[in-house]
Amino acid sequence: MTHDLSSTILKILRETYGQVKPGLVYKNLYQLLISVVLSAQTTDKQVNTVTPVLFQKYPDFRSLAGAEIADIETIIRSTGFYRNKARNIVMLSGMIMSKHNGKVPDTLEDLTFLPGVGRKSAQVVRAFGFSIPAIPVDTHVLRVSKRIGYTTSTNPLEVEKALARMIPEEHWIESHVLFITHGRSICMSRKPSCGKCSIYQYCDFVNNNP
């Protein structure tokens, strides 16, 4: 991968998908953080089906911190791993109230200290909640990055570093969403639609699997 090739790929993806937006539906930092934690091991679409009920009943960290975990489990059951997720979002709400005066922190250190928040989730919150340049690496970003040829690693942190070296900082957030969009619509895990791919001619996966 070179900087020029990376620019060409991103230009084509931008022309293919237009202005892309994250899949989670949220109105504020509270909703973003809780939605991101709930999105682990499930789809944004599934999270969006439960959060309206959750946020109507528990509109902020204070109310969620005082919630009965069993009630939260009932609301978010369809997102999977609901017991762990319910416990995590109640606990992190309490921590944000007690340690951060009810406000979502913006540093990786503070965010990843919260229950249920790993590096990827923290980077999502930083990128979309605070407009801090970041490249969150989820399964789609990792897969697409590896197939296109940005990296040969399967380690999310190494993939993040590889992307950051090749993509200008001002395009990090956009690139994250472009790769996710491409991964969901064309570059699927098991059966990628290579015949419909707008960047197939630049793809290591295609060239190595003729």
N, C-alpha and C. Protein backbone atom coordinates (compact mmCIF):
# COMPACT_ATOMS: atom_id res chain seq x y z
N MET A 1 0.84 -1.20 0.00
CA MET A 1 0.00 0.00 0.00
C MET A 1 0.87 1.25 0.00
N THR A 2 0.50 2.22 -0.82
CA THR A 2 1.17 3.52 -0.85
C THR A 2 0.14 4.60 -0.54
N HIS A 3 0.64 5.78 -0.24
CA HIS A 3 -0.26 6.89 0.04
C HIS A 3 -1.12 7.23 -1.18
N ASP A 4 -0.51 7.18 -2.36
CA ASP A 4 -1.26 7.49 -3.58
C ASP A 4 -2.35 6.46 -3.83
N LEU A 5 -2.03 5.19 -3.65
CA LEU A 5 -3.03 4.13 -3.85
C LEU A 5 -4.14 4.25 -2.82
N SER A 6 -3.77 4.54 -1.59
CA SER A 6 -4.78 4.72 -0.54
C SER A 6 -5.73 5.86 -0.89
N SER A 7 -5.18 6.96 -1.38
CA SER A 7 -6.02 8.11 -1.77
C SER A 7 -6.97 7.74 -2.89
N THR A 8 -6.47 6.96 -3.85
CA THR A 8 -7.31 6.51 -4.97
C THR A 8 -8.45 5.63 -4.47
N ILE A 9 -8.15 4.70 -3.60
CA ILE A 9 -9.17 3.79 -3.06
C ILE A 9 -10.24 4.57 -2.30
N LEU A 10 -9.81 5.48 -1.45
CA LEU A 10 -10.78 6.26 -0.67
C LEU A 10 -11.63 7.15 -1.57
N LYS A 11 -11.01 7.69 -2.62
CA LYS A 11 -11.76 8.52 -3.56
C LYS A 11 -12.86 7.71 -4.24
N ILE A 12 -12.54 6.49 -4.64
CA ILE A 12 -13.54 5.63 -5.29
C ILE A 12 -14.63 5.24 -4.31
N LEU A 13 -14.25 4.89 -3.09
CA LEU A 13 -15.27 4.52 -2.08
C LEU A 13 -16.18 5.71 -1.78
N ARG A 14 -15.60 6.89 -1.74
CA ARG A 14 -16.37 8.11 -1.47
C ARG A 14 -17.37 8.36 -2.61
N GLU A 15 -16.93 8.13 -3.83
CA GLU A 15 -17.81 8.31 -4.99
C GLU A 15 -18.89 7.22 -5.03
N THR A 16 -18.54 6.04 -4.54
CA THR A 16 -19.48 4.91 -4.56
C THR A 16 -20.58 5.09 -3.52
N TYR A 17 -20.21 5.50 -2.32
CA TYR A 17 -21.18 5.52 -1.21
C TYR A 17 -21.65 6.90 -0.80
N GLY A 18 -21.01 7.93 -1.32
CA GLY A 18 -21.43 9.28 -0.96
C GLY A 18 -21.10 9.62 0.47
N GLN A 19 -21.89 10.51 1.04
CA GLN A 19 -21.67 10.91 2.43
C GLN A 19 -22.22 9.84 3.36
N VAL A 20 -21.33 9.18 4.07
CA VAL A 20 -21.73 8.06 4.91
C VAL A 20 -21.89 8.50 6.37
N LYS A 21 -22.78 7.80 7.07
CA LYS A 21 -23.04 8.11 8.47
C LYS A 21 -22.97 6.83 9.29
N PRO A 22 -22.68 6.95 10.59
CA PRO A 22 -22.65 5.76 11.44
C PRO A 22 -24.04 5.13 11.54
N GLY A 23 -24.08 3.84 11.83
CA GLY A 23 -25.34 3.12 11.83
C GLY A 23 -26.17 3.28 13.09
N LEU A 24 -25.53 3.62 14.21
CA LEU A 24 -26.26 3.78 15.46
C LEU A 24 -27.05 5.09 15.47
N VAL A 25 -28.24 5.02 16.05
CA VAL A 25 -29.09 6.20 16.18
C VAL A 25 -28.98 6.74 17.60
N TYR A 26 -28.57 7.99 17.74
CA TYR A 26 -28.39 8.58 19.07
C TYR A 26 -28.56 10.10 18.97
N LYS A 27 -28.85 10.71 20.12
CA LYS A 27 -29.08 12.16 20.14
C LYS A 27 -28.04 12.92 20.95
N ASN A 28 -27.31 12.22 21.80
CA ASN A 28 -26.35 12.89 22.67
C ASN A 28 -25.27 11.90 23.09
N LEU A 29 -24.31 12.37 23.86
CA LEU A 29 -23.19 11.54 24.27
C LEU A 29 -23.63 10.37 25.14
N TYR A 30 -24.59 10.61 26.00
CA TYR A 30 -25.12 9.51 26.82
C TYR A 30 -25.65 8.39 25.94
N GLN A 31 -26.49 8.72 25.01
CA GLN A 31 -27.07 7.71 24.13
C GLN A 31 -26.01 7.04 23.26
N LEU A 32 -25.02 7.81 22.80
CA LEU A 32 -23.97 7.24 21.98
C LEU A 32 -23.18 6.19 22.76
N LEU A 33 -22.74 6.55 23.95
CA LEU A 33 -21.93 5.62 24.74
C LEU A 33 -22.68 4.35 25.07
N ILE A 34 -23.92 4.47 25.51
CA ILE A 34 -24.70 3.28 25.86
C ILE A 34 -24.96 2.44 24.62
N SER A 35 -25.26 3.07 23.50
CA SER A 35 -25.51 2.34 22.26
C SER A 35 -24.27 1.59 21.80
N VAL A 36 -23.11 2.21 21.94
CA VAL A 36 -21.86 1.57 21.54
C VAL A 36 -21.59 0.32 22.39
N VAL A 37 -21.82 0.41 23.68
CA VAL A 37 -21.63 -0.75 24.55
C VAL A 37 -22.60 -1.87 24.17
N LEU A 38 -23.83 -1.50 23.86
CA LEU A 38 -24.84 -2.51 23.48
C LEU A 38 -24.53 -3.13 22.12
N SER A 39 -23.75 -2.46 21.29
CA SER A 39 -23.51 -2.94 19.92
C SER A 39 -22.51 -4.08 19.83
N ALA A 40 -21.86 -4.41 20.94
CA ALA A 40 -20.89 -5.51 20.91
C ALA A 40 -21.58 -6.82 20.53
N GLN A 41 -20.99 -7.52 19.58
CA GLN A 41 -21.48 -8.84 19.15
C GLN A 41 -22.92 -8.82 18.60
N THR A 42 -23.33 -7.69 18.08
CA THR A 42 -24.64 -7.61 17.43
C THR A 42 -24.59 -6.50 16.38
N THR A 43 -25.70 -6.23 15.73
CA THR A 43 -25.72 -5.22 14.68
C THR A 43 -26.24 -3.88 15.21
N ASP A 44 -25.85 -2.81 14.54
CA ASP A 44 -26.38 -1.49 14.90
C ASP A 44 -27.90 -1.48 14.76
N LYS A 45 -28.39 -2.15 13.74
CA LYS A 45 -29.83 -2.21 13.51
C LYS A 45 -30.56 -2.81 14.70
N GLN A 46 -30.00 -3.87 15.27
CA GLN A 46 -30.63 -4.50 16.42
C GLN A 46 -30.59 -3.59 17.63
N VAL A 47 -29.47 -2.91 17.83
CA VAL A 47 -29.37 -1.96 18.94
C VAL A 47 -30.42 -0.86 18.80
N ASN A 48 -30.60 -0.38 17.58
CA ASN A 48 -31.56 0.71 17.35
C ASN A 48 -33.00 0.30 17.63
N THR A 49 -33.27 -0.99 17.70
CA THR A 49 -34.63 -1.43 18.00
C THR A 49 -34.94 -1.39 19.50
N VAL A 50 -33.90 -1.43 20.34
CA VAL A 50 -34.15 -1.45 21.79
C VAL A 50 -33.87 -0.11 22.47
N THR A 51 -33.01 0.70 21.89
CA THR A 51 -32.64 1.94 22.58
C THR A 51 -33.77 2.96 22.74
N PRO A 52 -34.74 3.05 21.82
CA PRO A 52 -35.82 4.00 22.08
C PRO A 52 -36.56 3.71 23.39
N VAL A 53 -36.81 2.44 23.66
CA VAL A 53 -37.48 2.07 24.91
C VAL A 53 -36.56 2.33 26.10
N LEU A 54 -35.30 1.94 25.96
CA LEU A 54 -34.33 2.14 27.04
C LEU A 54 -34.17 3.60 27.39
N PHE A 55 -34.00 4.45 26.39
CA PHE A 55 -33.74 5.87 26.64
C PHE A 55 -34.99 6.63 27.08
N GLN A 56 -36.13 6.14 26.71
CA GLN A 56 -37.35 6.78 27.20
C GLN A 56 -37.52 6.54 28.69
N LYS A 57 -37.22 5.35 29.13
CA LYS A 57 -37.37 5.01 30.54
C LYS A 57 -36.19 5.51 31.38
N TYR A 58 -35.01 5.49 30.77
CA TYR A 58 -33.79 5.94 31.47
C TYR A 58 -33.09 6.97 30.60
N PRO A 59 -33.47 8.25 30.74
CA PRO A 59 -33.00 9.28 29.81
C PRO A 59 -31.60 9.82 30.06
N ASP A 60 -30.95 9.39 31.14
CA ASP A 60 -29.62 9.91 31.44
C ASP A 60 -28.85 8.93 32.33
N PHE A 61 -27.59 9.28 32.58
CA PHE A 61 -26.75 8.40 33.39
C PHE A 61 -27.27 8.25 34.81
N ARG A 62 -27.81 9.31 35.36
CA ARG A 62 -28.30 9.26 36.73
C ARG A 62 -29.42 8.22 36.88
N SER A 63 -30.37 8.26 35.97
CA SER A 63 -31.49 7.32 36.06
C SER A 63 -31.04 5.90 35.76
N LEU A 64 -30.13 5.74 34.81
CA LEU A 64 -29.66 4.40 34.46
C LEU A 64 -28.81 3.81 35.59
N ALA A 65 -28.06 4.66 36.27
CA ALA A 65 -27.23 4.17 37.38
C ALA A 65 -28.08 3.58 38.50
N GLY A 66 -29.31 4.07 38.63
CA GLY A 66 -30.19 3.58 39.69
C GLY A 66 -31.17 2.52 39.24
N ALA A 67 -31.00 2.03 38.01
CA ALA A 67 -31.95 1.07 37.45
C ALA A 67 -31.74 -0.33 38.04
N GLU A 68 -32.80 -1.11 38.04
CA GLU A 68 -32.70 -2.52 38.39
C GLU A 68 -32.13 -3.26 37.19
N ILE A 69 -31.07 -4.01 37.41
CA ILE A 69 -30.41 -4.71 36.31
C ILE A 69 -31.37 -5.65 35.60
N ALA A 70 -32.25 -6.28 36.34
CA ALA A 70 -33.21 -7.20 35.73
C ALA A 70 -34.10 -6.49 34.73
N ASP A 71 -34.46 -5.25 35.02
CA ASP A 71 -35.30 -4.48 34.10
C ASP A 71 -34.53 -4.15 32.83
N ILE A 72 -33.27 -3.79 32.99
CA ILE A 72 -32.44 -3.49 31.82
C ILE A 72 -32.27 -4.75 30.97
N GLU A 73 -32.08 -5.89 31.61
CA GLU A 73 -31.94 -7.15 30.88
C GLU A 73 -33.15 -7.42 30.00
N THR A 74 -34.33 -7.16 30.54
CA THR A 74 -35.56 -7.38 29.79
C THR A 74 -35.62 -6.50 28.53
N ILE A 75 -35.21 -5.25 28.69
CA ILE A 75 -35.28 -4.30 27.58
C ILE A 75 -34.27 -4.64 26.48
N ILE A 76 -33.07 -5.04 26.86
CA ILE A 76 -32.00 -5.20 25.88
C ILE A 76 -31.74 -6.66 25.50
N ARG A 77 -32.60 -7.56 25.92
CA ARG A 77 -32.38 -8.99 25.74
C ARG A 77 -32.01 -9.36 24.29
N SER A 78 -32.67 -8.74 23.32
CA SER A 78 -32.48 -9.13 21.92
C SER A 78 -31.11 -8.75 21.36
N THR A 79 -30.32 -7.97 22.11
CA THR A 79 -28.99 -7.59 21.61
C THR A 79 -27.93 -8.65 21.90
N GLY A 80 -28.29 -9.68 22.66
CA GLY A 80 -27.33 -10.73 22.97
C GLY A 80 -26.42 -10.34 24.13
N PHE A 81 -25.91 -11.34 24.84
CA PHE A 81 -25.05 -11.10 26.00
C PHE A 81 -25.66 -10.05 26.92
N TYR A 82 -26.98 -10.11 27.04
CA TYR A 82 -27.72 -9.03 27.70
C TYR A 82 -27.42 -8.92 29.20
N ARG A 83 -27.06 -10.02 29.83
CA ARG A 83 -26.75 -9.94 31.27
C ARG A 83 -25.49 -9.12 31.51
N ASN A 84 -24.44 -9.43 30.77
CA ASN A 84 -23.21 -8.65 30.91
C ASN A 84 -23.40 -7.20 30.50
N LYS A 85 -24.12 -7.00 29.41
CA LYS A 85 -24.34 -5.63 28.92
C LYS A 85 -25.16 -4.81 29.91
N ALA A 86 -26.18 -5.43 30.49
CA ALA A 86 -27.02 -4.71 31.47
C ALA A 86 -26.18 -4.30 32.67
N ARG A 87 -25.38 -5.22 33.16
CA ARG A 87 -24.53 -4.90 34.31
C ARG A 87 -23.53 -3.81 33.96
N ASN A 88 -22.94 -3.92 32.79
CA ASN A 88 -21.94 -2.93 32.39
C ASN A 88 -22.50 -1.53 32.25
N ILE A 89 -23.65 -1.39 31.60
CA ILE A 89 -24.16 -0.02 31.38
C ILE A 89 -24.66 0.61 32.68
N VAL A 90 -25.15 -0.21 33.61
CA VAL A 90 -25.55 0.33 34.92
C VAL A 90 -24.31 0.75 35.70
N MET A 91 -23.28 -0.11 35.69
CA MET A 91 -22.05 0.21 36.42
C MET A 91 -21.33 1.42 35.83
N LEU A 92 -21.24 1.49 34.50
CA LEU A 92 -20.53 2.62 33.91
C LEU A 92 -21.28 3.92 34.14
N SER A 93 -22.61 3.84 34.20
CA SER A 93 -23.40 5.04 34.48
C SER A 93 -23.09 5.56 35.87
N GLY A 94 -22.97 4.63 36.82
CA GLY A 94 -22.62 5.03 38.18
C GLY A 94 -21.23 5.63 38.25
N MET A 95 -20.29 5.06 37.51
CA MET A 95 -18.92 5.58 37.51
C MET A 95 -18.85 6.96 36.88
N ILE A 96 -19.61 7.17 35.81
CA ILE A 96 -19.60 8.49 35.17
C ILE A 96 -20.21 9.55 36.11
N MET A 97 -21.23 9.15 36.85
CA MET A 97 -21.81 10.09 37.81
C MET A 97 -20.83 10.41 38.94
N SER A 98 -20.14 9.39 39.43
CA SER A 98 -19.28 9.60 40.60
C SER A 98 -17.90 10.13 40.26
N LYS A 99 -17.36 9.74 39.11
CA LYS A 99 -15.99 10.11 38.76
C LYS A 99 -15.88 11.23 37.73
N HIS A 100 -16.93 11.44 36.96
CA HIS A 100 -16.85 12.40 35.86
C HIS A 100 -17.99 13.43 35.87
N ASN A 101 -18.61 13.59 37.02
CA ASN A 101 -19.68 14.58 37.18
C ASN A 101 -20.80 14.44 36.15
N GLY A 102 -21.07 13.20 35.78
CA GLY A 102 -22.18 12.94 34.87
C GLY A 102 -21.88 13.19 33.41
N LYS A 103 -20.61 13.43 33.08
CA LYS A 103 -20.25 13.73 31.70
C LYS A 103 -19.34 12.65 31.12
N VAL A 104 -19.54 12.34 29.86
CA VAL A 104 -18.72 11.33 29.20
C VAL A 104 -17.30 11.87 29.01
N PRO A 105 -16.28 11.14 29.48
CA PRO A 105 -14.91 11.60 29.27
C PRO A 105 -14.49 11.43 27.82
N ASP A 106 -13.42 12.11 27.42
CA ASP A 106 -13.01 12.05 26.02
C ASP A 106 -11.64 11.43 25.81
N THR A 107 -11.00 10.92 26.86
CA THR A 107 -9.69 10.31 26.70
C THR A 107 -9.82 8.79 26.62
N LEU A 108 -8.89 8.17 25.90
CA LEU A 108 -8.88 6.71 25.80
C LEU A 108 -8.74 6.07 27.18
N GLU A 109 -7.89 6.64 28.00
CA GLU A 109 -7.66 6.08 29.34
C GLU A 109 -8.94 6.06 30.17
N ASP A 110 -9.64 7.18 30.19
CA ASP A 110 -10.87 7.26 31.00
C ASP A 110 -11.98 6.40 30.41
N LEU A 111 -12.11 6.41 29.10
CA LEU A 111 -13.18 5.65 28.46
C LEU A 111 -12.98 4.15 28.61
N THR A 112 -11.76 3.68 28.39
CA THR A 112 -11.52 2.24 28.47
C THR A 112 -11.51 1.73 29.90
N PHE A 113 -11.52 2.62 30.86
CA PHE A 113 -11.63 2.21 32.27
C PHE A 113 -13.08 1.85 32.61
N LEU A 114 -14.01 2.31 31.78
CA LEU A 114 -15.43 2.06 32.03
C LEU A 114 -15.78 0.62 31.68
N PRO A 115 -16.66 -0.02 32.43
CA PRO A 115 -17.07 -1.40 32.14
C PRO A 115 -17.69 -1.52 30.75
N GLY A 116 -17.23 -2.51 30.00
CA GLY A 116 -17.81 -2.76 28.69
C GLY A 116 -17.27 -1.90 27.57
N VAL A 117 -16.28 -1.05 27.87
CA VAL A 117 -15.72 -0.15 26.85
C VAL A 117 -14.28 -0.54 26.55
N GLY A 118 -14.07 -1.13 25.37
CA GLY A 118 -12.73 -1.44 24.91
C GLY A 118 -12.19 -0.33 24.03
N ARG A 119 -11.04 -0.54 23.44
CA ARG A 119 -10.41 0.50 22.63
C ARG A 119 -11.29 0.90 21.45
N LYS A 120 -11.83 -0.10 20.75
CA LYS A 120 -12.67 0.22 19.58
C LYS A 120 -13.85 1.07 19.99
N SER A 121 -14.55 0.67 21.06
CA SER A 121 -15.72 1.43 21.52
C SER A 121 -15.33 2.83 21.94
N ALA A 122 -14.20 2.95 22.62
CA ALA A 122 -13.73 4.27 23.05
C ALA A 122 -13.43 5.16 21.85
N GLN A 123 -12.82 4.59 20.83
CA GLN A 123 -12.50 5.37 19.64
C GLN A 123 -13.77 5.80 18.90
N VAL A 124 -14.80 4.97 18.91
CA VAL A 124 -16.08 5.36 18.31
C VAL A 124 -16.65 6.57 19.03
N VAL A 125 -16.62 6.53 20.36
CA VAL A 125 -17.15 7.65 21.15
C VAL A 125 -16.33 8.91 20.90
N ARG A 126 -15.03 8.78 20.85
CA ARG A 126 -14.17 9.93 20.61
C ARG A 126 -14.42 10.52 19.22
N ALA A 127 -14.56 9.64 18.23
CA ALA A 127 -14.74 10.10 16.86
C ALA A 127 -16.08 10.78 16.65
N PHE A 128 -17.16 10.10 17.07
CA PHE A 128 -18.49 10.59 16.74
C PHE A 128 -19.11 11.44 17.84
N GLY A 129 -18.56 11.34 19.04
CA GLY A 129 -19.07 12.16 20.14
C GLY A 129 -18.31 13.45 20.32
N PHE A 130 -17.00 13.42 19.99
CA PHE A 130 -16.16 14.59 20.24
C PHE A 130 -15.43 15.09 18.98
N SER A 131 -15.66 14.41 17.85
CA SER A 131 -14.99 14.76 16.58
C SER A 131 -13.48 14.72 16.70
N ILE A 132 -12.98 13.83 17.53
CA ILE A 132 -11.54 13.62 17.67
C ILE A 132 -11.10 12.60 16.61
N PRO A 133 -10.12 12.93 15.78
CA PRO A 133 -9.68 12.00 14.74
C PRO A 133 -9.32 10.63 15.32
N ALA A 134 -9.95 9.60 14.80
CA ALA A 134 -9.71 8.24 15.27
C ALA A 134 -10.16 7.27 14.19
N ILE A 135 -9.59 6.07 14.21
CA ILE A 135 -9.99 5.02 13.28
C ILE A 135 -10.39 3.79 14.10
N PRO A 136 -11.62 3.72 14.55
CA PRO A 136 -12.05 2.54 15.30
C PRO A 136 -12.01 1.31 14.39
N VAL A 137 -11.42 0.23 14.88
CA VAL A 137 -11.28 -0.98 14.07
C VAL A 137 -12.22 -2.06 14.57
N ASP A 138 -13.31 -2.25 13.83
CA ASP A 138 -14.22 -3.35 14.13
C ASP A 138 -13.96 -4.47 13.13
N THR A 139 -14.80 -5.49 13.11
CA THR A 139 -14.57 -6.63 12.23
C THR A 139 -14.61 -6.24 10.75
N HIS A 140 -15.49 -5.29 10.39
CA HIS A 140 -15.59 -4.86 9.00
C HIS A 140 -14.34 -4.09 8.57
N VAL A 141 -13.91 -3.15 9.40
CA VAL A 141 -12.73 -2.36 9.08
C VAL A 141 -11.50 -3.26 8.99
N LEU A 142 -11.38 -4.20 9.90
CA LEU A 142 -10.24 -5.12 9.89
C LEU A 142 -10.24 -5.96 8.61
N ARG A 143 -11.38 -6.52 8.27
CA ARG A 143 -11.47 -7.38 7.08
C ARG A 143 -11.18 -6.62 5.80
N VAL A 144 -11.82 -5.48 5.64
CA VAL A 144 -11.62 -4.70 4.42
C VAL A 144 -10.19 -4.21 4.31
N SER A 145 -9.63 -3.73 5.41
CA SER A 145 -8.26 -3.22 5.40
C SER A 145 -7.27 -4.30 4.99
N LYS A 146 -7.48 -5.50 5.49
CA LYS A 146 -6.58 -6.61 5.18
C LYS A 146 -6.73 -7.05 3.73
N ARG A 147 -7.95 -7.13 3.26
CA ARG A 147 -8.17 -7.56 1.88
C ARG A 147 -7.64 -6.56 0.87
N ILE A 148 -7.82 -5.29 1.15
CA ILE A 148 -7.36 -4.26 0.22
C ILE A 148 -5.84 -4.20 0.19
N GLY A 149 -5.22 -4.48 1.34
CA GLY A 149 -3.76 -4.47 1.37
C GLY A 149 -3.13 -3.42 2.26
N TYR A 150 -3.92 -2.85 3.18
CA TYR A 150 -3.35 -1.89 4.12
C TYR A 150 -2.47 -2.59 5.16
N THR A 151 -2.77 -3.85 5.42
CA THR A 151 -2.07 -4.58 6.47
C THR A 151 -2.22 -6.08 6.24
N THR A 152 -1.34 -6.84 6.87
CA THR A 152 -1.49 -8.30 6.88
C THR A 152 -1.83 -8.78 8.28
N SER A 153 -1.94 -7.84 9.20
CA SER A 153 -2.18 -8.20 10.60
C SER A 153 -3.66 -8.43 10.88
N THR A 154 -3.92 -9.25 11.88
CA THR A 154 -5.29 -9.43 12.38
C THR A 154 -5.44 -8.81 13.76
N ASN A 155 -4.42 -8.11 14.20
CA ASN A 155 -4.46 -7.42 15.49
C ASN A 155 -5.07 -6.03 15.30
N PRO A 156 -6.21 -5.74 15.94
CA PRO A 156 -6.89 -4.45 15.71
C PRO A 156 -6.00 -3.23 15.92
N LEU A 157 -5.14 -3.26 16.93
CA LEU A 157 -4.28 -2.11 17.19
C LEU A 157 -3.28 -1.92 16.05
N GLU A 158 -2.72 -3.03 15.55
CA GLU A 158 -1.78 -2.94 14.44
C GLU A 158 -2.47 -2.46 13.17
N VAL A 159 -3.71 -2.90 12.97
CA VAL A 159 -4.49 -2.44 11.82
C VAL A 159 -4.75 -0.94 11.93
N GLU A 160 -5.11 -0.51 13.12
CA GLU A 160 -5.36 0.92 13.36
C GLU A 160 -4.11 1.74 13.03
N LYS A 161 -2.96 1.27 13.46
CA LYS A 161 -1.70 1.98 13.20
C LYS A 161 -1.39 2.01 11.71
N ALA A 162 -1.64 0.89 11.04
CA ALA A 162 -1.36 0.82 9.60
C ALA A 162 -2.23 1.80 8.82
N LEU A 163 -3.50 1.86 9.19
CA LEU A 163 -4.41 2.79 8.53
C LEU A 163 -4.02 4.24 8.81
N ALA A 164 -3.64 4.51 10.04
CA ALA A 164 -3.26 5.87 10.42
C ALA A 164 -2.02 6.34 9.67
N ARG A 165 -1.14 5.41 9.32
CA ARG A 165 0.07 5.78 8.58
C ARG A 165 -0.25 6.16 7.13
N MET A 166 -1.29 5.57 6.57
CA MET A 166 -1.57 5.75 5.15
C MET A 166 -2.68 6.76 4.86
N ILE A 167 -3.51 7.03 5.84
CA ILE A 167 -4.68 7.89 5.64
C ILE A 167 -4.47 9.21 6.39
N PRO A 168 -4.65 10.34 5.75
CA PRO A 168 -4.52 11.63 6.44
C PRO A 168 -5.48 11.72 7.61
N GLU A 169 -5.04 12.32 8.67
CA GLU A 169 -5.83 12.38 9.91
C GLU A 169 -7.23 12.94 9.69
N GLU A 170 -7.35 13.91 8.80
CA GLU A 170 -8.66 14.53 8.58
C GLU A 170 -9.65 13.59 7.91
N HIS A 171 -9.17 12.44 7.42
CA HIS A 171 -10.05 11.47 6.78
C HIS A 171 -10.25 10.19 7.59
N TRP A 172 -9.71 10.16 8.79
CA TRP A 172 -9.79 8.94 9.60
C TRP A 172 -11.23 8.52 9.88
N ILE A 173 -12.03 9.45 10.36
CA ILE A 173 -13.40 9.10 10.75
C ILE A 173 -14.21 8.68 9.53
N GLU A 174 -14.09 9.44 8.45
CA GLU A 174 -14.80 9.10 7.22
C GLU A 174 -14.38 7.73 6.70
N SER A 175 -13.09 7.45 6.75
CA SER A 175 -12.59 6.17 6.25
C SER A 175 -13.16 5.00 7.05
N HIS A 176 -13.25 5.19 8.34
CA HIS A 176 -13.85 4.16 9.21
C HIS A 176 -15.25 3.80 8.74
N VAL A 177 -16.07 4.80 8.47
CA VAL A 177 -17.44 4.54 8.06
C VAL A 177 -17.50 4.00 6.63
N LEU A 178 -16.62 4.47 5.77
CA LEU A 178 -16.58 3.95 4.40
C LEU A 178 -16.23 2.47 4.39
N PHE A 179 -15.26 2.08 5.17
CA PHE A 179 -14.86 0.67 5.23
C PHE A 179 -15.98 -0.19 5.80
N ILE A 180 -16.66 0.31 6.82
CA ILE A 180 -17.79 -0.43 7.39
C ILE A 180 -18.89 -0.59 6.35
N THR A 181 -19.21 0.49 5.65
CA THR A 181 -20.25 0.45 4.62
C THR A 181 -19.89 -0.54 3.52
N HIS A 182 -18.64 -0.51 3.10
CA HIS A 182 -18.18 -1.43 2.05
C HIS A 182 -18.20 -2.87 2.56
N GLY A 183 -17.80 -3.07 3.80
CA GLY A 183 -17.78 -4.41 4.37
C GLY A 183 -19.16 -5.01 4.53
N ARG A 184 -20.13 -4.18 4.81
CA ARG A 184 -21.50 -4.67 4.99
C ARG A 184 -22.22 -4.92 3.66
N SER A 185 -21.90 -4.11 2.67
CA SER A 185 -22.67 -4.19 1.42
C SER A 185 -22.01 -5.02 0.33
N ILE A 186 -20.68 -5.06 0.30
CA ILE A 186 -19.96 -5.74 -0.78
C ILE A 186 -18.92 -6.74 -0.26
N CYS A 187 -18.06 -6.28 0.62
CA CYS A 187 -16.92 -7.08 1.06
C CYS A 187 -17.27 -7.91 2.31
N MET A 188 -18.28 -8.75 2.17
CA MET A 188 -18.72 -9.56 3.29
C MET A 188 -17.68 -10.63 3.63
N SER A 189 -17.82 -11.18 4.83
CA SER A 189 -16.83 -12.13 5.32
C SER A 189 -16.78 -13.41 4.50
N ARG A 190 -17.91 -14.05 4.31
CA ARG A 190 -17.92 -15.37 3.68
C ARG A 190 -18.03 -15.32 2.15
N LYS A 191 -18.89 -14.47 1.65
CA LYS A 191 -19.10 -14.42 0.20
C LYS A 191 -19.06 -12.98 -0.30
N PRO A 192 -17.86 -12.42 -0.42
CA PRO A 192 -17.76 -11.04 -0.91
C PRO A 192 -18.25 -10.94 -2.35
N SER A 193 -18.93 -9.85 -2.66
CA SER A 193 -19.45 -9.64 -4.02
C SER A 193 -18.40 -8.92 -4.85
N CYS A 194 -17.33 -9.64 -5.16
CA CYS A 194 -16.20 -9.02 -5.85
C CYS A 194 -16.59 -8.47 -7.23
N GLY A 195 -17.57 -9.12 -7.89
CA GLY A 195 -17.99 -8.67 -9.20
C GLY A 195 -18.68 -7.32 -9.17
N LYS A 196 -19.15 -6.90 -8.00
CA LYS A 196 -19.82 -5.61 -7.85
C LYS A 196 -18.93 -4.57 -7.17
N CYS A 197 -17.72 -4.94 -6.86
CA CYS A 197 -16.83 -4.08 -6.07
C CYS A 197 -16.19 -2.99 -6.92
N SER A 198 -16.29 -1.78 -6.47
CA SER A 198 -15.75 -0.64 -7.22
C SER A 198 -14.24 -0.51 -7.10
N ILE A 199 -13.64 -1.23 -6.16
CA ILE A 199 -12.18 -1.14 -5.98
C ILE A 199 -11.51 -2.50 -6.19
N TYR A 200 -12.19 -3.40 -6.89
CA TYR A 200 -11.66 -4.76 -7.05
C TYR A 200 -10.29 -4.78 -7.69
N GLN A 201 -10.02 -3.84 -8.61
CA GLN A 201 -8.74 -3.86 -9.32
C GLN A 201 -7.56 -3.54 -8.41
N TYR A 202 -7.84 -2.98 -7.23
CA TYR A 202 -6.78 -2.64 -6.29
C TYR A 202 -6.72 -3.60 -5.10
N CYS A 203 -7.51 -4.65 -5.15
CA CYS A 203 -7.70 -5.51 -3.99
C CYS A 203 -6.73 -6.70 -3.97
N ASP A 204 -5.98 -6.84 -2.89
CA ASP A 204 -5.07 -7.97 -2.73
C ASP A 204 -5.83 -9.28 -2.70
N PHE A 205 -7.01 -9.28 -2.11
CA PHE A 205 -7.81 -10.50 -1.99
C PHE A 205 -8.17 -11.04 -3.38
N VAL A 206 -8.58 -10.16 -4.27
CA VAL A 206 -8.92 -10.55 -5.64
C VAL A 206 -7.69 -11.03 -6.39
N ASN A 207 -6.60 -10.28 -6.26
CA ASN A 207 -5.38 -10.63 -6.99
C ASN A 207 -4.76 -11.94 -6.53
N ASN A 208 -4.98 -12.27 -5.27
CA ASN A 208 -4.41 -13.50 -4.72
C ASN A 208 -5.37 -14.67 -4.81
N ASN A 209 -6.63 -14.40 -5.22
CA ASN A 209 -7.63 -15.46 -5.36
C ASN A 209 -8.34 -15.32 -6.71
N PRO A 210 -7.61 -15.46 -7.81
CA PRO A 210 -8.18 -15.22 -9.14
C PRO A 210 -9.25 -16.26 -9.48
